[in-house]
Protein backbone atom coordinates (compact mmCIF):
# COMPACT_ATOMS: atom_id res chain seq x y z
CA MET A 1 -40.07 86.36 19.42
CA ASN A 2 -38.67 83.09 18.03
CA ALA A 3 -35.39 81.49 19.10
CA ILE A 4 -33.32 82.88 16.19
CA GLU A 5 -34.68 86.39 16.80
CA GLU A 6 -33.70 86.12 20.46
CA LEU A 7 -30.16 85.08 19.47
CA ARG A 8 -29.97 88.07 17.09
CA GLN A 9 -30.29 90.38 20.09
CA CYS A 10 -26.79 89.34 21.16
CA PRO A 11 -24.21 92.07 20.47
CA ASP A 12 -21.19 89.72 20.38
CA VAL A 13 -20.01 86.12 20.65
CA ALA A 14 -19.44 86.42 24.41
CA THR A 15 -23.15 87.18 24.84
CA LEU A 16 -24.22 84.66 22.21
CA LYS A 17 -22.48 81.74 23.94
CA PRO A 18 -24.66 81.67 27.11
CA ALA A 19 -27.77 82.35 25.03
CA LEU A 20 -26.96 79.29 22.89
CA ARG A 21 -26.36 77.19 26.01
CA LYS A 22 -29.72 78.25 27.45
CA LEU A 23 -31.51 77.47 24.18
CA CYS A 24 -29.80 74.09 23.77
CA GLU A 25 -30.38 72.89 27.35
CA LYS A 26 -33.97 72.16 26.28
CA PHE A 27 -32.64 69.73 23.67
CA GLY A 28 -29.69 68.04 25.37
CA ARG A 29 -26.03 68.49 26.15
CA ILE A 30 -23.82 70.39 23.71
CA ALA A 31 -21.13 68.01 22.47
CA SER A 32 -19.33 70.65 20.40
CA LEU A 33 -19.79 74.25 19.41
CA ASP A 34 -17.63 76.30 17.08
CA VAL A 35 -18.39 79.87 16.07
CA LEU A 36 -16.86 81.69 13.12
CA THR A 37 -17.39 85.45 13.08
CA ALA A 38 -17.62 87.15 9.72
CA MET A 39 -18.55 90.39 8.01
CA HIS A 40 -21.12 90.12 5.23
CA GLU A 41 -22.54 93.15 3.43
CA GLY A 42 -21.82 95.41 6.40
CA THR A 43 -23.28 93.04 8.99
CA LYS A 44 -21.26 91.23 11.64
CA GLN A 45 -22.32 87.58 11.76
CA ALA A 46 -21.72 84.53 13.92
CA ILE A 47 -21.71 81.26 11.96
CA CYS A 48 -22.50 78.53 14.49
CA PHE A 49 -21.49 74.88 14.05
CA LEU A 50 -23.19 72.78 16.72
CA ARG A 51 -23.40 69.14 17.79
CA LEU A 52 -25.61 67.82 20.57
CA ASP A 53 -25.16 64.50 22.37
CA SER A 54 -28.06 62.94 20.44
CA PRO A 55 -28.93 63.04 16.71
CA GLU A 56 -32.62 62.87 17.59
CA ARG A 57 -32.31 65.95 19.79
CA GLU A 58 -30.38 67.70 16.99
CA GLU A 59 -33.36 67.06 14.70
CA GLU A 60 -35.68 68.70 17.25
CA LEU A 61 -33.35 71.70 17.54
CA MET A 62 -33.13 72.04 13.75
CA LYS A 63 -36.93 72.03 13.44
CA THR A 64 -37.26 74.62 16.20
CA LEU A 65 -34.68 76.95 14.64
CA GLY A 66 -35.56 76.22 11.03
CA VAL A 67 -31.94 75.38 10.21
CA GLY A 68 -30.07 72.50 8.60
CA ARG A 69 -26.84 70.52 8.60
CA PHE A 70 -23.52 70.94 6.89
CA GLY A 71 -20.85 68.26 7.18
CA GLY A 72 -22.82 66.48 9.90
CA GLU A 73 -23.12 69.55 12.12
CA VAL A 74 -26.13 71.75 12.78
CA VAL A 75 -25.24 75.08 11.13
CA PHE A 76 -26.90 78.47 11.34
CA VAL A 77 -25.96 82.11 10.94
CA ILE A 78 -26.82 84.83 13.44
CA ASP A 79 -26.60 88.50 12.49
CA LEU A 80 -25.14 90.09 15.60
CA ASN A 81 -26.73 93.26 16.97
CA VAL A 82 -23.55 95.31 17.10
CA PRO A 83 -22.68 98.76 15.75
CA LEU A 84 -19.94 98.57 13.15
CA THR A 85 -16.67 100.46 13.42
CA SER A 86 -14.22 101.61 10.75
CA GLN A 87 -12.19 98.45 11.51
CA ASP A 88 -15.18 96.41 10.32
CA ALA A 89 -15.14 98.01 6.87
CA GLY A 90 -14.14 95.00 4.77
CA PRO A 91 -15.01 91.33 4.64
CA SER A 92 -13.30 89.27 7.30
CA SER A 93 -13.72 86.16 9.39
CA GLN A 94 -12.19 84.58 12.47
CA TRP A 95 -12.87 81.66 14.79
CA ALA A 96 -14.23 82.61 18.20
CA GLU A 97 -12.73 80.89 21.25
CA PHE A 98 -14.91 78.41 23.13
CA GLU A 99 -14.01 76.08 25.96
CA ASP A 100 -14.55 72.35 25.68
CA PHE A 101 -18.13 71.25 26.40
CA GLU A 102 -17.28 67.81 27.76
């Protein structure tokens, strides 16, 4: 199972956060991490915006995950493994809360 597939096993952002930390510790310290949750075509997603303490280490992470940059940040989307409820019926998005990584 590759790294993105492992992250897709997370049912929610609270589970995704430690999984991202574990993955990123191989590449360096997380300088910033923001997660936007969204609904897209009936799937709950976590859109991750990530910065490490070193651009070189970010390049390694991007190659490992097969992802790119947007606005200077490493960006990737994870489809969360969560059953949908009637409240999840329409498109929506919200920022998930994360503590400071410094």
